[in-house]
Amino acid sequence: MIRARTTAFIVFGFWLWAVCGAAVPDIHAQSLEEKLGSVTDYVPKAVAPVDQLVEVAQKFQIPMGIEWVDRGGSTTNDKTTPSGKRSVRKLIEEIVSVSPEHHVEVEDGLVRIYWPSAAVHSFNYLNIRLKNYSVKNGDLFAAEDQLRWAIRFTLEPEKYRNGFAGGYGHGANDIFQIRKFTIEDSDVTIREVLNRIALAQGNALWVATIKSADLEGDEPRWTRNGADKGDLPLIAAWHFLPLAEIKELAKEQVAIDVMIDGMLAERMTTIPVMLEYGLAGDAGGASGGSSSEGVSYRYGARIEKIGKDFVTLLVRLAVERPGETHFNFDERVQVYRDHFTDVRPEPRIRIRAYFEPTKTFRVKIHAQ
């Protein structure tokens, strides 16, 4: 059963949704207990228990800290998750029951998955107590970088006595670029820091795998490998996943409709955007088609630039008609809020781009 326990700690910073205000849907409007009490007949598509837990966390926006003990060999769920109505709380318990040693607990605003004896083991790296940890007005990537350095400074202080060269990077257009938060603490475990980062960020869960073999022997593996060495270095032994991506959080999207006389008149691209953060969702791949009259087209579009109240699109359209020179359109189109941008590269072709609220999907359009 899930047991509720509350411990006191200070989370510096506010929730993502309070900071974003009206710009971001409040997917956390329900309390955690309300979400866990929701009734569902959802059956996870994933097979492995951890993957199922992540799937459920993202489906129902449940913040989690998953500390899974890997006993070696293949880890698959031999039990079929039952269908039928039950609470989200019960669904999580059903998934975890494949490994009875693991427990589920609601603690400090997140659902914690752990193996009690492994969780308190002195060789469990999540129990390493850091001398200091601090991230100031940083995003999740900055918070992780500071955690890695805190681990290094704690385990190998002599190595960095005379200074160090730092720096970190991440892919562009990532939802974890927002929001900024501050955490400052000392004498804190890695587990506690992971929890605080997830809660302060407001749109994250974390997963860490503990190898049962690492809990055996005469010494913890970090005494042999330090922070950066080994098959799975301590500084890369966990990972954060978002509860929601840009497409779930964006309140507006850019739509592109394409009309080709006698052949095409429909929505071709829908891209969720968060202009205030310079973020855009996936534009989808290229597409094409042909008609019985021998007319064919190839189409693709993507966002190249995001401004305060506009985006710049790169639109590519090639049309082939029997007996005519092939038509090619490969240009940038600027689209502003509250304005329809119409481009007619030739009389029989119209490209229309515009902003609209999300959840407003039109499959077909009427040529004008």
Protein backbone atom coordinates (compact mmCIF):
# COMPACT_ATOMS: atom_id res chain seq x y z
CA MET A 1 0.00 0.00 0.00
CA ILE A 2 1.03 3.59 -0.50
CA ARG A 3 1.89 5.20 2.80
CA ALA A 4 1.74 8.94 3.26
CA ARG A 5 4.54 10.60 5.19
CA THR A 6 5.47 14.25 5.47
CA THR A 7 8.93 15.46 6.42
CA ALA A 8 10.02 19.04 6.67
CA PHE A 9 12.53 20.52 4.30
CA ILE A 10 12.85 23.84 2.54
CA VAL A 11 12.44 24.01 -1.21
CA PHE A 12 13.86 27.27 -2.44
CA GLY A 13 11.93 28.67 -5.40
CA PHE A 14 8.37 28.41 -6.53
CA TRP A 15 6.49 26.02 -8.75
CA LEU A 16 6.85 26.33 -12.49
CA TRP A 17 3.19 27.02 -12.97
CA ALA A 18 3.07 29.97 -10.59
CA VAL A 19 5.99 31.59 -12.36
CA CYS A 20 4.63 30.96 -15.84
CA GLY A 21 1.28 32.42 -14.92
CA ALA A 22 -1.21 32.56 -17.75
CA ALA A 23 1.38 31.49 -20.29
CA VAL A 24 1.33 27.84 -19.29
CA PRO A 25 -1.66 25.55 -18.61
CA ASP A 26 -1.84 24.67 -14.91
CA ILE A 27 -1.50 20.92 -15.27
CA HIS A 28 -0.72 20.73 -11.55
CA ALA A 29 -3.99 22.37 -10.47
CA GLN A 30 -5.01 19.12 -8.76
CA SER A 31 -3.23 18.12 -5.59
CA LEU A 32 -1.09 15.00 -5.65
CA GLU A 33 -3.63 13.15 -3.52
CA GLU A 34 -6.42 14.14 -5.92
CA LYS A 35 -4.44 12.80 -8.87
CA LEU A 36 -3.67 9.55 -7.08
CA GLY A 37 -7.34 9.17 -6.20
CA SER A 38 -8.51 9.66 -9.79
CA VAL A 39 -10.25 6.61 -11.25
CA THR A 40 -8.90 5.25 -14.53
CA ASP A 41 -8.94 2.17 -16.73
CA TYR A 42 -5.56 3.05 -18.26
CA VAL A 43 -3.20 0.15 -19.06
CA PRO A 44 0.47 1.10 -19.67
CA LYS A 45 1.91 0.23 -23.07
CA ALA A 46 5.47 -0.22 -21.76
CA VAL A 47 6.70 -3.61 -20.53
CA ALA A 48 9.45 -2.97 -17.97
CA PRO A 49 8.21 -1.78 -14.56
CA VAL A 50 10.29 1.41 -14.52
CA ASP A 51 9.12 2.32 -18.02
CA GLN A 52 5.54 1.69 -16.94
CA LEU A 53 5.97 3.93 -13.91
CA VAL A 54 7.38 6.73 -16.06
CA GLU A 55 4.50 6.31 -18.50
CA VAL A 56 1.94 6.59 -15.72
CA ALA A 57 3.74 9.56 -14.16
CA GLN A 58 3.64 11.43 -17.47
CA LYS A 59 0.08 10.37 -18.28
CA PHE A 60 -1.32 11.62 -14.96
CA GLN A 61 1.29 14.31 -14.16
CA ILE A 62 2.54 12.53 -11.03
CA PRO A 63 5.94 13.75 -9.71
CA MET A 64 8.06 10.72 -8.81
CA GLY A 65 11.42 9.73 -7.47
CA ILE A 66 12.09 6.19 -8.72
CA GLU A 67 14.94 4.35 -7.00
CA TRP A 68 14.89 0.92 -8.63
CA VAL A 69 17.16 -1.94 -7.60
CA ASP A 70 18.43 -3.98 -10.55
CA ARG A 71 19.18 -7.53 -9.50
CA GLY A 72 20.73 -8.42 -12.86
CA GLY A 73 19.34 -10.32 -15.81
CA SER A 74 16.34 -9.22 -17.81
CA THR A 75 13.82 -7.12 -15.93
CA THR A 76 10.41 -7.55 -17.44
CA ASN A 77 6.96 -7.48 -15.98
CA ASP A 78 5.62 -11.03 -16.01
CA LYS A 79 2.31 -9.82 -14.66
CA THR A 80 -0.31 -8.38 -16.95
CA THR A 81 -1.55 -5.10 -15.58
CA PRO A 82 -5.27 -5.65 -15.10
CA SER A 83 -7.73 -3.53 -17.00
CA GLY A 84 -10.83 -2.07 -15.44
CA LYS A 85 -11.55 0.88 -13.22
CA ARG A 86 -9.21 1.59 -10.32
CA SER A 87 -7.42 4.59 -8.85
CA VAL A 88 -4.11 5.88 -10.17
CA ARG A 89 -2.73 5.00 -6.73
CA LYS A 90 -3.80 1.38 -7.23
CA LEU A 91 -2.38 1.34 -10.76
CA ILE A 92 1.05 2.36 -9.43
CA GLU A 93 0.84 -0.33 -6.74
CA GLU A 94 -0.03 -2.93 -9.39
CA ILE A 95 3.06 -2.03 -11.41
CA VAL A 96 5.39 -2.10 -8.40
CA SER A 97 3.96 -5.42 -7.18
CA VAL A 98 6.02 -7.22 -9.83
CA SER A 99 8.92 -6.67 -7.42
CA PRO A 100 7.45 -7.09 -3.92
CA GLU A 101 10.64 -5.79 -2.28
CA HIS A 102 9.93 -2.33 -3.68
CA HIS A 103 7.63 -0.01 -1.79
CA VAL A 104 5.56 3.00 -2.80
CA GLU A 105 5.29 6.03 -0.58
CA VAL A 106 3.94 9.55 -0.89
CA GLU A 107 6.55 11.82 0.61
CA ASP A 108 7.15 15.57 0.44
CA GLY A 109 4.95 16.14 -2.60
CA LEU A 110 6.14 13.26 -4.78
CA VAL A 111 5.62 9.53 -5.10
CA ARG A 112 8.70 7.67 -4.02
CA ILE A 113 9.46 4.14 -5.33
CA TYR A 114 12.22 2.34 -3.41
CA TRP A 115 13.52 -0.87 -1.83
CA PRO A 116 13.72 -0.10 1.92
CA SER A 117 16.82 -2.13 2.77
CA ALA A 118 18.69 -0.88 -0.31
CA ALA A 119 17.59 2.70 0.31
CA VAL A 120 19.41 2.84 3.64
CA HIS A 121 22.44 0.81 2.58
CA SER A 122 25.73 2.63 3.10
CA PHE A 123 26.91 1.55 -0.37
CA ASN A 124 23.90 3.16 -2.08
CA TYR A 125 25.32 6.23 -3.83
CA LEU A 126 22.10 8.16 -3.23
CA ASN A 127 23.08 8.22 0.45
CA ILE A 128 26.35 10.07 -0.21
CA ARG A 129 26.15 13.15 1.97
CA LEU A 130 27.30 16.31 0.22
CA LYS A 131 29.09 19.03 2.12
CA ASN A 132 27.37 21.77 0.16
CA TYR A 133 24.94 22.10 -2.71
CA SER A 134 23.84 25.29 -4.41
CA VAL A 135 22.17 26.37 -7.63
CA LYS A 136 21.20 30.02 -7.97
CA ASN A 137 18.56 31.14 -10.46
CA GLY A 138 19.35 28.21 -12.72
CA ASP A 139 17.34 25.77 -14.81
CA LEU A 140 17.35 22.01 -14.36
CA PHE A 141 20.48 21.61 -16.49
CA ALA A 142 22.36 24.05 -14.25
CA ALA A 143 21.02 22.25 -11.17
CA GLU A 144 22.32 18.91 -12.44
CA ASP A 145 25.71 20.41 -13.27
CA GLN A 146 26.03 21.84 -9.78
CA LEU A 147 25.06 18.46 -8.32
CA ARG A 148 27.82 16.76 -10.29
CA TRP A 149 30.37 19.23 -8.98
CA ALA A 150 29.09 18.88 -5.43
CA ILE A 151 29.64 15.11 -5.71
CA ARG A 152 33.18 15.61 -7.03
CA PHE A 153 34.07 18.11 -4.33
CA THR A 154 32.76 15.78 -1.64
CA LEU A 155 34.43 12.59 -2.85
CA GLU A 156 37.70 14.00 -4.23
CA PRO A 157 38.36 17.40 -2.62
CA GLU A 158 42.13 17.20 -3.13
CA LYS A 159 41.70 16.85 -6.87
CA TYR A 160 40.01 20.25 -7.14
CA ARG A 161 41.92 22.18 -4.47
CA ASN A 162 43.70 24.31 -7.07
CA GLY A 163 40.67 25.03 -9.20
CA PHE A 164 38.76 23.37 -11.99
CA ALA A 165 37.36 24.01 -15.44
CA GLY A 166 33.59 23.62 -15.64
CA GLY A 167 30.81 23.97 -18.16
CA TYR A 168 27.84 22.02 -19.42
CA GLY A 169 25.60 21.87 -22.44
CA HIS A 170 22.26 20.52 -23.57
CA GLY A 171 20.16 20.31 -26.69
CA ALA A 172 18.25 23.34 -27.87
CA ASN A 173 14.49 23.76 -27.52
CA ASP A 174 14.18 21.68 -24.33
CA ILE A 175 11.30 22.06 -21.89
CA PHE A 176 13.79 21.87 -19.01
CA GLN A 177 15.15 25.28 -20.06
CA ILE A 178 12.27 26.65 -18.01
CA ARG A 179 11.92 27.50 -15.15
CA LYS A 180 14.64 29.13 -13.00
CA PHE A 181 14.94 28.22 -9.33
CA THR A 182 17.34 28.44 -6.41
CA ILE A 183 18.34 25.72 -3.94
CA GLU A 184 20.98 26.13 -1.26
CA ASP A 185 21.81 23.54 1.36
CA SER A 186 24.60 21.71 3.16
CA ASP A 187 25.00 18.24 4.66
CA VAL A 188 22.42 16.87 2.24
CA THR A 189 22.24 13.51 0.43
CA ILE A 190 22.16 13.06 -3.32
CA ARG A 191 18.64 11.65 -2.98
CA GLU A 192 17.46 14.73 -1.13
CA VAL A 193 18.94 16.99 -3.81
CA LEU A 194 17.24 15.04 -6.61
CA ASN A 195 13.92 15.38 -4.79
CA ARG A 196 14.39 19.09 -4.27
CA ILE A 197 15.34 19.70 -7.89
CA ALA A 198 12.27 17.81 -9.12
CA LEU A 199 9.94 19.70 -6.79
CA ALA A 200 11.49 23.11 -7.41
CA GLN A 201 11.43 22.59 -11.18
CA GLY A 202 7.79 21.55 -11.00
CA ASN A 203 7.64 19.46 -14.19
CA ALA A 204 10.05 16.61 -13.54
CA LEU A 205 10.53 13.13 -12.19
CA TRP A 206 13.82 11.37 -11.57
CA VAL A 207 14.95 7.78 -12.07
CA ALA A 208 18.00 6.11 -10.58
CA THR A 209 19.00 2.46 -10.94
CA ILE A 210 20.86 0.77 -8.10
CA LYS A 211 22.77 -2.37 -9.08
CA SER A 212 22.38 -4.97 -6.36
CA ALA A 213 26.00 -6.04 -6.98
CA ASP A 214 27.13 -2.56 -5.94
CA LEU A 215 25.63 -3.15 -2.50
CA GLU A 216 27.89 -6.14 -1.93
CA GLY A 217 31.59 -6.45 -1.12
CA ASP A 218 33.83 -4.63 1.31
CA GLU A 219 33.71 -1.08 -0.02
CA PRO A 220 31.43 1.20 -2.05
CA ARG A 221 32.26 1.50 -5.72
CA TRP A 222 33.04 5.22 -5.49
CA THR A 223 36.08 4.50 -3.33
CA ARG A 224 37.49 2.64 -6.34
CA ASN A 225 36.17 4.77 -9.20
CA GLY A 226 35.70 8.23 -7.74
CA ALA A 227 32.93 10.37 -9.20
CA ASP A 228 33.72 10.14 -12.92
CA LYS A 229 34.91 6.60 -13.62
CA GLY A 230 33.32 3.21 -14.06
CA ASP A 231 30.64 1.78 -16.33
CA LEU A 232 28.05 4.13 -14.85
CA PRO A 233 29.83 7.10 -13.21
CA LEU A 234 28.16 8.56 -10.16
CA ILE A 235 27.74 11.89 -11.92
CA ALA A 236 25.59 10.17 -14.58
CA ALA A 237 23.78 7.60 -12.46
CA TRP A 238 20.35 9.28 -12.53
CA HIS A 239 18.23 11.05 -15.12
CA PHE A 240 15.36 13.49 -15.08
CA LEU A 241 12.32 13.21 -17.33
CA PRO A 242 9.63 15.84 -17.92
CA LEU A 243 6.07 15.20 -16.84
CA ALA A 244 4.85 17.26 -19.79
CA GLU A 245 6.48 18.39 -23.02
CA ILE A 246 6.04 21.59 -25.01
CA LYS A 247 3.01 20.21 -26.86
CA GLU A 248 1.17 19.70 -23.55
CA LEU A 249 2.17 23.05 -22.06
CA ALA A 250 1.87 25.41 -25.02
CA LYS A 251 -1.26 27.55 -25.10
CA GLU A 252 -0.85 28.49 -28.73
CA GLN A 253 0.36 26.94 -31.94
CA VAL A 254 1.35 27.96 -35.43
CA ALA A 255 -0.73 26.43 -38.21
CA ILE A 256 0.14 26.22 -41.89
CA ASP A 257 -2.58 25.50 -44.44
CA VAL A 258 -1.70 24.73 -48.04
CA MET A 259 -3.99 24.91 -51.07
CA ILE A 260 -3.03 23.58 -54.48
CA ASP A 261 -5.82 23.98 -57.04
CA GLY A 262 -7.45 20.70 -57.94
CA MET A 263 -5.37 18.69 -55.50
CA LEU A 264 -4.86 19.87 -51.94
CA ALA A 265 -6.62 22.05 -49.38
CA GLU A 266 -5.78 21.11 -45.81
CA ARG A 267 -3.80 21.73 -42.64
CA MET A 268 -0.25 20.64 -43.33
CA THR A 269 1.63 21.66 -40.19
CA THR A 270 0.73 22.40 -36.57
CA ILE A 271 3.59 23.51 -34.31
CA PRO A 272 3.02 24.24 -30.58
CA VAL A 273 5.00 27.29 -29.47
CA MET A 274 5.87 29.06 -26.22
CA LEU A 275 7.08 32.42 -27.47
CA GLU A 276 7.88 33.80 -24.04
CA TYR A 277 10.48 31.05 -23.60
CA GLY A 278 11.64 30.74 -27.19
CA LEU A 279 10.42 27.13 -27.42
CA ALA A 280 8.63 25.24 -30.16
CA GLY A 281 7.41 21.68 -30.52
CA ASP A 282 8.05 19.21 -33.29
CA ALA A 283 7.04 20.40 -36.75
CA GLY A 284 6.78 16.89 -38.14
CA GLY A 285 8.56 15.54 -41.18
CA ALA A 286 8.20 16.19 -44.88
CA SER A 287 5.16 14.94 -46.77
CA GLY A 288 4.04 14.51 -50.35
CA GLY A 289 1.29 13.23 -52.57
CA SER A 290 -0.05 12.97 -56.09
CA SER A 291 -3.35 13.10 -57.95
CA SER A 292 -4.85 10.89 -60.65
CA GLU A 293 -4.15 13.74 -63.12
CA GLY A 294 -0.42 13.38 -62.55
CA VAL A 295 0.02 16.44 -60.31
CA SER A 296 2.39 15.78 -57.38
CA TYR A 297 3.84 17.78 -54.50
CA ARG A 298 6.49 17.61 -51.80
CA TYR A 299 6.15 19.76 -48.69
CA GLY A 300 8.04 20.54 -45.49
CA ALA A 301 8.19 23.35 -42.92
CA ARG A 302 9.97 24.23 -39.71
CA ILE A 303 10.45 27.15 -37.34
CA GLU A 304 13.81 28.85 -37.79
CA LYS A 305 13.42 31.76 -35.37
CA ILE A 306 11.18 32.64 -32.45
CA GLY A 307 10.58 36.25 -31.53
CA LYS A 308 8.54 38.03 -28.89
CA ASP A 309 5.35 37.97 -30.96
CA PHE A 310 6.32 36.17 -34.16
CA VAL A 311 8.02 33.15 -35.65
CA THR A 312 10.01 32.79 -38.83
CA LEU A 313 9.10 29.72 -40.83
CA LEU A 314 11.12 28.03 -43.51
CA VAL A 315 8.58 26.60 -45.96
CA ARG A 316 9.49 24.31 -48.81
CA LEU A 317 6.97 23.30 -51.47
CA ALA A 318 7.63 21.64 -54.81
CA VAL A 319 4.79 21.04 -57.29
CA GLU A 320 5.02 19.10 -60.53
CA ARG A 321 2.34 19.29 -63.22
CA PRO A 322 2.43 17.33 -66.49
CA GLY A 323 3.76 19.45 -69.33
CA GLU A 324 4.81 22.35 -67.04
CA THR A 325 8.07 23.52 -65.53
CA HIS A 326 8.46 22.23 -62.02
CA PHE A 327 7.51 24.80 -59.38
CA ASN A 328 9.73 25.23 -56.30
CA PHE A 329 9.06 27.46 -53.29
CA ASP A 330 11.83 27.59 -50.66
CA GLU A 331 11.48 30.76 -48.62
CA ARG A 332 11.22 32.15 -45.11
CA VAL A 333 7.84 33.41 -43.98
CA GLN A 334 7.32 35.61 -40.93
CA VAL A 335 4.11 34.99 -38.98
CA TYR A 336 2.82 37.37 -36.29
CA ARG A 337 0.23 36.89 -33.59
CA ASP A 338 -3.25 38.17 -34.45
CA HIS A 339 -2.40 38.22 -38.14
CA PHE A 340 -2.95 35.82 -41.03
CA THR A 341 0.02 35.56 -43.35
CA ASP A 342 -1.03 34.64 -46.90
CA VAL A 343 1.54 33.77 -49.51
CA ARG A 344 0.54 33.11 -53.13
CA PRO A 345 3.73 32.11 -54.89
CA GLU A 346 1.68 31.46 -58.03
CA PRO A 347 -2.08 31.84 -58.75
CA ARG A 348 -2.96 28.18 -58.16
CA ILE A 349 -1.10 27.88 -54.82
CA ARG A 350 -1.85 29.48 -51.48
CA ILE A 351 0.11 29.09 -48.23
CA ARG A 352 -1.57 30.51 -45.14
CA ALA A 353 0.12 30.64 -41.71
CA TYR A 354 -1.28 31.94 -38.43
CA PHE A 355 -1.34 31.57 -34.65
CA GLU A 356 -4.25 29.90 -32.89
CA PRO A 357 -5.00 28.56 -29.41
CA THR A 358 -4.05 24.94 -28.84
CA LYS A 359 -6.78 22.31 -28.96
CA THR A 360 -8.22 24.07 -32.02
CA PHE A 361 -7.55 21.57 -34.76
CA ARG A 362 -8.96 21.88 -38.25
CA VAL A 363 -8.30 19.02 -40.60
CA LYS A 364 -9.70 20.50 -43.77
CA ILE A 365 -9.93 24.07 -45.03
CA HIS A 366 -11.97 25.61 -47.81
CA ALA A 367 -10.14 27.21 -50.69
CA GLN A 368 -10.95 30.86 -51.16
